[in-house]
Amino acid sequence: MAQNANAGNCPLCRGHKKAGHALFSVDMGFGVVVVRHVPATICDQCGAEWFSDSVAAKLETIVAEARAKKALVEVTTLEDLPLAA
């Protein structure tokens, strides 16, 4: 989910949203992409996650590159990769 703001309550359960890191994974059918340490806003009650637009764009790029390589398993850590401004 793309995030609107870090502040406020979770729209799903009314828990509190806070900054943190998440694990992002995609099953592409022929392979799996796992991205660790993804900056996210996370609900402290239900665990729902939101990503900023720049983080979501980087995740889309990682998945597209893995798909182009036909990678069976692609594991990376987002905090090691540069984000678009």
PDB file of N, CA and C in Angstrom:
ATOM      1  N   MET A   1       0.835  -1.180   0.000  1.00  0.00           N
ATOM      2  CA  MET A   1       0.000   0.000   0.000  1.00  0.00           C
ATOM      3  C   MET A   1       0.881   1.245   0.000  1.00  0.00           C
ATOM      4  N   ALA A   2       0.528   2.208  -0.784  1.00  0.00           N
ATOM      5  CA  ALA A   2       1.254   3.485  -0.747  1.00  0.00           C
ATOM      6  C   ALA A   2       0.758   4.268   0.462  1.00  0.00           C
ATOM      7  N   GLN A   3       1.632   5.014   1.073  1.00  0.00           N
ATOM      8  CA  GLN A   3       1.250   5.740   2.283  1.00  0.00           C
ATOM      9  C   GLN A   3       0.886   7.180   1.977  1.00  0.00           C
ATOM     10  N   ASN A   4      -0.072   7.710   2.709  1.00  0.00           N
ATOM     11  CA  ASN A   4      -0.442   9.116   2.592  1.00  0.00           C
ATOM     12  C   ASN A   4       0.346   9.951   3.589  1.00  0.00           C
ATOM     13  N   ALA A   5       0.504   9.459   4.798  1.00  0.00           N
ATOM     14  CA  ALA A   5       1.238  10.185   5.839  1.00  0.00           C
ATOM     15  C   ALA A   5       1.627   9.199   6.926  1.00  0.00           C
ATOM     16  N   ASN A   6       2.692   9.494   7.623  1.00  0.00           N
ATOM     17  CA  ASN A   6       3.126   8.632   8.712  1.00  0.00           C
ATOM     18  C   ASN A   6       2.257   8.802   9.946  1.00  0.00           C
ATOM     19  N   ALA A   7       1.693   9.982  10.141  1.00  0.00           N
ATOM     20  CA  ALA A   7       0.920  10.278  11.339  1.00  0.00           C
ATOM     21  C   ALA A   7      -0.486   9.716  11.227  1.00  0.00           C
ATOM     22  N   GLY A   8      -1.127   9.540  12.374  1.00  0.00           N
ATOM     23  CA  GLY A   8      -2.522   9.149  12.386  1.00  0.00           C
ATOM     24  C   GLY A   8      -2.733   7.706  12.774  1.00  0.00           C
ATOM     25  N   ASN A   9      -3.974   7.297  12.641  1.00  0.00           N
ATOM     26  CA  ASN A   9      -4.361   5.944  12.998  1.00  0.00           C
ATOM     27  C   ASN A   9      -4.524   5.079  11.762  1.00  0.00           C
ATOM     28  N   CYS A  10      -4.376   3.798  11.961  1.00  0.00           N
ATOM     29  CA  CYS A  10      -4.547   2.823  10.883  1.00  0.00           C
ATOM     30  C   CYS A  10      -5.998   2.849  10.409  1.00  0.00           C
ATOM     31  N   PRO A  11      -6.238   2.927   9.100  1.00  0.00           N
ATOM     32  CA  PRO A  11      -7.609   2.931   8.597  1.00  0.00           C
ATOM     33  C   PRO A  11      -8.275   1.558   8.705  1.00  0.00           C
ATOM     34  N   LEU A  12      -7.497   0.517   8.970  1.00  0.00           N
ATOM     35  CA  LEU A  12      -8.049  -0.834   9.060  1.00  0.00           C
ATOM     36  C   LEU A  12      -8.510  -1.189  10.471  1.00  0.00           C
ATOM     37  N   CYS A  13      -7.709  -0.811  11.484  1.00  0.00           N
ATOM     38  CA  CYS A  13      -8.027  -1.234  12.850  1.00  0.00           C
ATOM     39  C   CYS A  13      -7.990  -0.097  13.867  1.00  0.00           C
ATOM     40  N   ARG A  14      -7.610   1.090  13.437  1.00  0.00           N
ATOM     41  CA  ARG A  14      -7.481   2.280  14.290  1.00  0.00           C
ATOM     42  C   ARG A  14      -6.279   2.210  15.238  1.00  0.00           C
ATOM     43  N   GLY A  15      -5.352   1.276  14.990  1.00  0.00           N
ATOM     44  CA  GLY A  15      -4.109   1.236  15.759  1.00  0.00           C
ATOM     45  C   GLY A  15      -3.236   2.419  15.374  1.00  0.00           C
ATOM     46  N   HIS A  16      -2.106   2.552  16.033  1.00  0.00           N
ATOM     47  CA  HIS A  16      -1.196   3.666  15.762  1.00  0.00           C
ATOM     48  C   HIS A  16      -0.199   3.281  14.681  1.00  0.00           C
ATOM     49  N   LYS A  17       0.046   4.208  13.741  1.00  0.00           N
ATOM     50  CA  LYS A  17       1.045   3.999  12.690  1.00  0.00           C
ATOM     51  C   LYS A  17       2.380   4.546  13.164  1.00  0.00           C
ATOM     52  N   LYS A  18       3.454   3.801  12.866  1.00  0.00           N
ATOM     53  CA  LYS A  18       4.789   4.248  13.251  1.00  0.00           C
ATOM     54  C   LYS A  18       5.790   3.853  12.175  1.00  0.00           C
ATOM     55  N   ALA A  19       6.910   4.556  12.125  1.00  0.00           N
ATOM     56  CA  ALA A  19       7.962   4.249  11.160  1.00  0.00           C
ATOM     57  C   ALA A  19       8.665   2.965  11.572  1.00  0.00           C
ATOM     58  N   GLY A  20       9.050   2.179  10.569  1.00  0.00           N
ATOM     59  CA  GLY A  20       9.758   0.935  10.831  1.00  0.00           C
ATOM     60  C   GLY A  20      10.315   0.359   9.545  1.00  0.00           C
ATOM     61  N   HIS A  21      10.611  -0.921   9.575  1.00  0.00           N
ATOM     62  CA  HIS A  21      11.112  -1.628   8.403  1.00  0.00           C
ATOM     63  C   HIS A  21      10.298  -2.899   8.210  1.00  0.00           C
ATOM     64  N   ALA A  22      10.061  -3.258   6.950  1.00  0.00           N
ATOM     65  CA  ALA A  22       9.240  -4.412   6.622  1.00  0.00           C
ATOM     66  C   ALA A  22       9.989  -5.354   5.686  1.00  0.00           C
ATOM     67  N   LEU A  23       9.460  -6.550   5.554  1.00  0.00           N
ATOM     68  CA  LEU A  23       9.925  -7.520   4.574  1.00  0.00           C
ATOM     69  C   LEU A  23       8.917  -7.500   3.433  1.00  0.00           C
ATOM     70  N   PHE A  24       9.388  -7.339   2.198  1.00  0.00           N
ATOM     71  CA  PHE A  24       8.525  -7.302   1.018  1.00  0.00           C
ATOM     72  C   PHE A  24       8.834  -8.538   0.189  1.00  0.00           C
ATOM     73  N   SER A  25       7.814  -9.286  -0.200  1.00  0.00           N
ATOM     74  CA  SER A  25       8.044 -10.470  -1.031  1.00  0.00           C
ATOM     75  C   SER A  25       7.005 -10.553  -2.138  1.00  0.00           C
ATOM     76  N   VAL A  26       7.449 -11.121  -3.268  1.00  0.00           N
ATOM     77  CA  VAL A  26       6.577 -11.296  -4.425  1.00  0.00           C
ATOM     78  C   VAL A  26       6.810 -12.689  -4.991  1.00  0.00           C
ATOM     79  N   ASP A  27       5.732 -13.438  -5.210  1.00  0.00           N
ATOM     80  CA  ASP A  27       5.814 -14.721  -5.911  1.00  0.00           C
ATOM     81  C   ASP A  27       5.460 -14.440  -7.364  1.00  0.00           C
ATOM     82  N   MET A  28       6.458 -14.565  -8.253  1.00  0.00           N
ATOM     83  CA  MET A  28       6.260 -14.246  -9.667  1.00  0.00           C
ATOM     84  C   MET A  28       5.784 -15.454 -10.472  1.00  0.00           C
ATOM     85  N   GLY A  29       5.515 -16.556  -9.811  1.00  0.00           N
ATOM     86  CA  GLY A  29       5.089 -17.751 -10.524  1.00  0.00           C
ATOM     87  C   GLY A  29       6.266 -18.662 -10.833  1.00  0.00           C
ATOM     88  N   PHE A  30       7.309 -18.116 -11.424  1.00  0.00           N
ATOM     89  CA  PHE A  30       8.508 -18.892 -11.757  1.00  0.00           C
ATOM     90  C   PHE A  30       9.624 -18.650 -10.754  1.00  0.00           C
ATOM     91  N   GLY A  31       9.456 -17.675  -9.886  1.00  0.00           N
ATOM     92  CA  GLY A  31      10.488 -17.333  -8.910  1.00  0.00           C
ATOM     93  C   GLY A  31       9.940 -16.417  -7.837  1.00  0.00           C
ATOM     94  N   VAL A  32      10.795 -16.132  -6.868  1.00  0.00           N
ATOM     95  CA  VAL A  32      10.395 -15.330  -5.718  1.00  0.00           C
ATOM     96  C   VAL A  32      11.392 -14.189  -5.523  1.00  0.00           C
ATOM     97  N   VAL A  33      10.873 -13.008  -5.204  1.00  0.00           N
ATOM     98  CA  VAL A  33      11.701 -11.851  -4.859  1.00  0.00           C
ATOM     99  C   VAL A  33      11.436 -11.519  -3.394  1.00  0.00           C
ATOM    100  N   VAL A  34      12.511 -11.361  -2.632  1.00  0.00           N
ATOM    101  CA  VAL A  34      12.407 -10.969  -1.229  1.00  0.00           C
ATOM    102  C   VAL A  34      13.288  -9.744  -1.027  1.00  0.00           C
ATOM    103  N   VAL A  35      12.711  -8.690  -0.466  1.00  0.00           N
ATOM    104  CA  VAL A  35      13.466  -7.475  -0.166  1.00  0.00           C
ATOM    105  C   VAL A  35      13.353  -7.247   1.340  1.00  0.00           C
ATOM    106  N   ARG A  36      14.497  -7.216   1.995  1.00  0.00           N
ATOM    107  CA  ARG A  36      14.547  -7.058   3.443  1.00  0.00           C
ATOM    108  C   ARG A  36      14.795  -5.600   3.821  1.00  0.00           C
ATOM    109  N   HIS A  37      14.421  -5.249   5.039  1.00  0.00           N
ATOM    110  CA  HIS A  37      14.686  -3.917   5.616  1.00  0.00           C
ATOM    111  C   HIS A  37      14.118  -2.783   4.762  1.00  0.00           C
ATOM    112  N   VAL A  38      12.871  -2.923   4.337  1.00  0.00           N
ATOM    113  CA  VAL A  38      12.208  -1.905   3.521  1.00  0.00           C
ATOM    114  C   VAL A  38      11.611  -0.837   4.445  1.00  0.00           C
ATOM    115  N   PRO A  39      11.997   0.433   4.284  1.00  0.00           N
ATOM    116  CA  PRO A  39      11.399   1.490   5.104  1.00  0.00           C
ATOM    117  C   PRO A  39       9.885   1.538   4.873  1.00  0.00           C
ATOM    118  N   ALA A  40       9.134   1.545   5.962  1.00  0.00           N
ATOM    119  CA  ALA A  40       7.676   1.502   5.855  1.00  0.00           C
ATOM    120  C   ALA A  40       7.051   2.181   7.058  1.00  0.00           C
ATOM    121  N   THR A  41       5.768   2.480   6.920  1.00  0.00           N
ATOM    122  CA  THR A  41       4.949   2.877   8.048  1.00  0.00           C
ATOM    123  C   THR A  41       4.144   1.639   8.417  1.00  0.00           C
ATOM    124  N   ILE A  42       4.178   1.259   9.693  1.00  0.00           N
ATOM    125  CA  ILE A  42       3.590  -0.005  10.119  1.00  0.00           C
ATOM    126  C   ILE A  42       2.618   0.243  11.267  1.00  0.00           C
ATOM    127  N   CYS A  43       1.455  -0.394  11.197  1.00  0.00           N
ATOM    128  CA  CYS A  43       0.483  -0.311  12.286  1.00  0.00           C
ATOM    129  C   CYS A  43       0.981  -1.178  13.439  1.00  0.00           C
ATOM    130  N   ASP A  44       1.006  -0.603  14.641  1.00  0.00           N
ATOM    131  CA  ASP A  44       1.497  -1.361  15.795  1.00  0.00           C
ATOM    132  C   ASP A  44       0.471  -2.354  16.332  1.00  0.00           C
ATOM    133  N   GLN A  45      -0.746  -2.333  15.785  1.00  0.00           N
ATOM    134  CA  GLN A  45      -1.775  -3.256  16.253  1.00  0.00           C
ATOM    135  C   GLN A  45      -1.990  -4.406  15.272  1.00  0.00           C
ATOM    136  N   CYS A  46      -2.253  -4.102  13.997  1.00  0.00           N
ATOM    137  CA  CYS A  46      -2.571  -5.162  13.031  1.00  0.00           C
ATOM    138  C   CYS A  46      -1.414  -5.496  12.099  1.00  0.00           C
ATOM    139  N   GLY A  47      -0.372  -4.657  12.075  1.00  0.00           N
ATOM    140  CA  GLY A  47       0.794  -4.937  11.243  1.00  0.00           C
ATOM    141  C   GLY A  47       0.675  -4.504   9.794  1.00  0.00           C
ATOM    142  N   ALA A  48      -0.395  -3.798   9.432  1.00  0.00           N
ATOM    143  CA  ALA A  48      -0.527  -3.301   8.057  1.00  0.00           C
ATOM    144  C   ALA A  48       0.668  -2.415   7.729  1.00  0.00           C
ATOM    145  N   GLU A  49       1.112  -2.468   6.467  1.00  0.00           N
ATOM    146  CA  GLU A  49       2.308  -1.739   6.045  1.00  0.00           C
ATOM    147  C   GLU A  49       1.985  -0.795   4.900  1.00  0.00           C
ATOM    148  N   TRP A  50       2.626   0.383   4.918  1.00  0.00           N
ATOM    149  CA  TRP A  50       2.517   1.353   3.839  1.00  0.00           C
ATOM    150  C   TRP A  50       3.917   1.766   3.420  1.00  0.00           C
ATOM    151  N   PHE A  51       4.127   1.921   2.098  1.00  0.00           N
ATOM    152  CA  PHE A  51       5.423   2.343   1.567  1.00  0.00           C
ATOM    153  C   PHE A  51       5.278   3.710   0.916  1.00  0.00           C
ATOM    154  N   SER A  52       6.313   4.535   1.027  1.00  0.00           N
ATOM    155  CA  SER A  52       6.310   5.831   0.343  1.00  0.00           C
ATOM    156  C   SER A  52       6.373   5.590  -1.163  1.00  0.00           C
ATOM    157  N   ASP A  53       6.055   6.610  -1.940  1.00  0.00           N
ATOM    158  CA  ASP A  53       6.089   6.483  -3.398  1.00  0.00           C
ATOM    159  C   ASP A  53       7.482   6.130  -3.898  1.00  0.00           C
ATOM    160  N   SER A  54       8.529   6.734  -3.311  1.00  0.00           N
ATOM    161  CA  SER A  54       9.893   6.451  -3.777  1.00  0.00           C
ATOM    162  C   SER A  54      10.306   5.021  -3.440  1.00  0.00           C
ATOM    163  N   VAL A  55       9.898   4.523  -2.282  1.00  0.00           N
ATOM    164  CA  VAL A  55      10.203   3.137  -1.916  1.00  0.00           C
ATOM    165  C   VAL A  55       9.429   2.182  -2.818  1.00  0.00           C
ATOM    166  N   ALA A  56       8.153   2.468  -3.064  1.00  0.00           N
ATOM    167  CA  ALA A  56       7.350   1.614  -3.946  1.00  0.00           C
ATOM    168  C   ALA A  56       7.942   1.566  -5.351  1.00  0.00           C
ATOM    169  N   ALA A  57       8.431   2.697  -5.848  1.00  0.00           N
ATOM    170  CA  ALA A  57       9.053   2.729  -7.181  1.00  0.00           C
ATOM    171  C   ALA A  57      10.302   1.858  -7.211  1.00  0.00           C
ATOM    172  N   LYS A  58      11.102   1.912  -6.152  1.00  0.00           N
ATOM    173  CA  LYS A  58      12.312   1.086  -6.087  1.00  0.00           C
ATOM    174  C   LYS A  58      11.944  -0.393  -6.024  1.00  0.00           C
ATOM    175  N   LEU A  59      10.917  -0.744  -5.265  1.00  0.00           N
ATOM    176  CA  LEU A  59      10.465  -2.135  -5.194  1.00  0.00           C
ATOM    177  C   LEU A  59       9.997  -2.628  -6.563  1.00  0.00           C
ATOM    178  N   GLU A  60       9.268  -1.780  -7.287  1.00  0.00           N
ATOM    179  CA  GLU A  60       8.820  -2.147  -8.635  1.00  0.00           C
ATOM    180  C   GLU A  60      10.008  -2.388  -9.558  1.00  0.00           C
ATOM    181  N   THR A  61      11.048  -1.573  -9.440  1.00  0.00           N
ATOM    182  CA  THR A  61      12.253  -1.741 -10.258  1.00  0.00           C
ATOM    183  C   THR A  61      12.953  -3.055  -9.929  1.00  0.00           C
ATOM    184  N   ILE A  62      13.076  -3.367  -8.646  1.00  0.00           N
ATOM    185  CA  ILE A  62      13.716  -4.616  -8.225  1.00  0.00           C
ATOM    186  C   ILE A  62      12.964  -5.817  -8.782  1.00  0.00           C
ATOM    187  N   VAL A  63      11.645  -5.801  -8.700  1.00  0.00           N
ATOM    188  CA  VAL A  63      10.833  -6.908  -9.208  1.00  0.00           C
ATOM    189  C   VAL A  63      10.959  -7.008 -10.725  1.00  0.00           C
ATOM    190  N   ALA A  64      10.929  -5.882 -11.428  1.00  0.00           N
ATOM    191  CA  ALA A  64      11.058  -5.895 -12.892  1.00  0.00           C
ATOM    192  C   ALA A  64      12.410  -6.460 -13.322  1.00  0.00           C
ATOM    193  N   GLU A  65      13.476  -6.087 -12.613  1.00  0.00           N
ATOM    194  CA  GLU A  65      14.809  -6.601 -12.942  1.00  0.00           C
ATOM    195  C   GLU A  65      14.897  -8.105 -12.691  1.00  0.00           C
ATOM    196  N   ALA A  66      14.319  -8.574 -11.600  1.00  0.00           N
ATOM    197  CA  ALA A  66      14.319 -10.012 -11.305  1.00  0.00           C
ATOM    198  C   ALA A  66      13.506 -10.767 -12.355  1.00  0.00           C
ATOM    199  N   ARG A  67      12.387 -10.182 -12.771  1.00  0.00           N
ATOM    200  CA  ARG A  67      11.551 -10.810 -13.805  1.00  0.00           C
ATOM    201  C   ARG A  67      12.316 -10.900 -15.124  1.00  0.00           C
ATOM    202  N   ALA A  68      13.041  -9.845 -15.487  1.00  0.00           N
ATOM    203  CA  ALA A  68      13.814  -9.833 -16.736  1.00  0.00           C
ATOM    204  C   ALA A  68      14.934 -10.867 -16.703  1.00  0.00           C
ATOM    205  N   LYS A  69      15.520 -11.088 -15.528  1.00  0.00           N
ATOM    206  CA  LYS A  69      16.593 -12.078 -15.374  1.00  0.00           C
ATOM    207  C   LYS A  69      16.051 -13.498 -15.244  1.00  0.00           C
ATOM    208  N   LYS A  70      14.724 -13.615 -15.081  1.00  0.00           N
ATOM    209  CA  LYS A  70      14.078 -14.904 -14.812  1.00  0.00           C
ATOM    210  C   LYS A  70      14.693 -15.549 -13.568  1.00  0.00           C
ATOM    211  N   ALA A  71      14.963 -14.720 -12.568  1.00  0.00           N
ATOM    212  CA  ALA A  71      15.588 -15.200 -11.333  1.00  0.00           C
ATOM    213  C   ALA A  71      14.642 -16.133 -10.589  1.00  0.00           C
ATOM    214  N   LEU A  72      15.169 -17.281 -10.187  1.00  0.00           N
ATOM    215  CA  LEU A  72      14.377 -18.214  -9.397  1.00  0.00           C
ATOM    216  C   LEU A  72      14.189 -17.661  -7.982  1.00  0.00           C
ATOM    217  N   VAL A  73      15.273 -17.153  -7.406  1.00  0.00           N
ATOM    218  CA  VAL A  73      15.219 -16.523  -6.086  1.00  0.00           C
ATOM    219  C   VAL A  73      16.086 -15.273  -6.124  1.00  0.00           C
ATOM    220  N   GLU A  74      15.506 -14.145  -5.748  1.00  0.00           N
ATOM    221  CA  GLU A  74      16.233 -12.871  -5.682  1.00  0.00           C
ATOM    222  C   GLU A  74      16.006 -12.312  -4.280  1.00  0.00           C
ATOM    223  N   VAL A  75      17.083 -12.164  -3.519  1.00  0.00           N
ATOM    224  CA  VAL A  75      16.986 -11.620  -2.167  1.00  0.00           C
ATOM    225  C   VAL A  75      17.922 -10.422  -2.078  1.00  0.00           C
ATOM    226  N   THR A  76      17.394  -9.301  -1.612  1.00  0.00           N
ATOM    227  CA  THR A  76      18.211  -8.102  -1.462  1.00  0.00           C
ATOM    228  C   THR A  76      17.756  -7.344  -0.221  1.00  0.00           C
ATOM    229  N   THR A  77      18.543  -6.370   0.162  1.00  0.00           N
ATOM    230  CA  THR A  77      18.225  -5.517   1.300  1.00  0.00           C
ATOM    231  C   THR A  77      18.093  -4.097   0.795  1.00  0.00           C
ATOM    232  N   LEU A  78      16.938  -3.489   0.978  1.00  0.00           N
ATOM    233  CA  LEU A  78      16.690  -2.169   0.408  1.00  0.00           C
ATOM    234  C   LEU A  78      17.577  -1.099   1.013  1.00  0.00           C
ATOM    235  N   GLU A  79      17.915  -1.195   2.283  1.00  0.00           N
ATOM    236  CA  GLU A  79      18.721  -0.138   2.891  1.00  0.00           C
ATOM    237  C   GLU A  79      20.123  -0.072   2.296  1.00  0.00           C
ATOM    238  N   ASP A  80      20.537  -1.110   1.567  1.00  0.00           N
ATOM    239  CA  ASP A  80      21.835  -1.109   0.896  1.00  0.00           C
ATOM    240  C   ASP A  80      21.772  -0.478  -0.491  1.00  0.00           C
ATOM    241  N   LEU A  81      20.569  -0.200  -0.970  1.00  0.00           N
ATOM    242  CA  LEU A  81      20.386   0.313  -2.322  1.00  0.00           C
ATOM    243  C   LEU A  81      20.000   1.783  -2.282  1.00  0.00           C
ATOM    244  N   PRO A  82      20.470   2.573  -3.260  1.00  0.00           N
ATOM    245  CA  PRO A  82      20.094   3.996  -3.287  1.00  0.00           C
ATOM    246  C   PRO A  82      18.629   4.167  -3.679  1.00  0.00           C
ATOM    247  N   LEU A  83      17.948   5.107  -3.031  1.00  0.00           N
ATOM    248  CA  LEU A  83      16.559   5.421  -3.361  1.00  0.00           C
ATOM    249  C   LEU A  83      16.516   6.662  -4.230  1.00  0.00           C
ATOM    250  N   ALA A  84      15.522   6.711  -5.109  1.00  0.00           N
ATOM    251  CA  ALA A  84      15.314   7.910  -5.925  1.00  0.00           C
ATOM    252  C   ALA A  84      14.891   9.049  -5.006  1.00  0.00           C
ATOM    253  N   ALA A  85      15.292  10.248  -5.346  1.00  0.00           N
ATOM    254  CA  ALA A  85      14.944  11.409  -4.509  1.00  0.00           C
ATOM    255  C   ALA A  85      13.498  11.777  -4.648  1.00  0.00           C
TER     256      ALA A  85
END
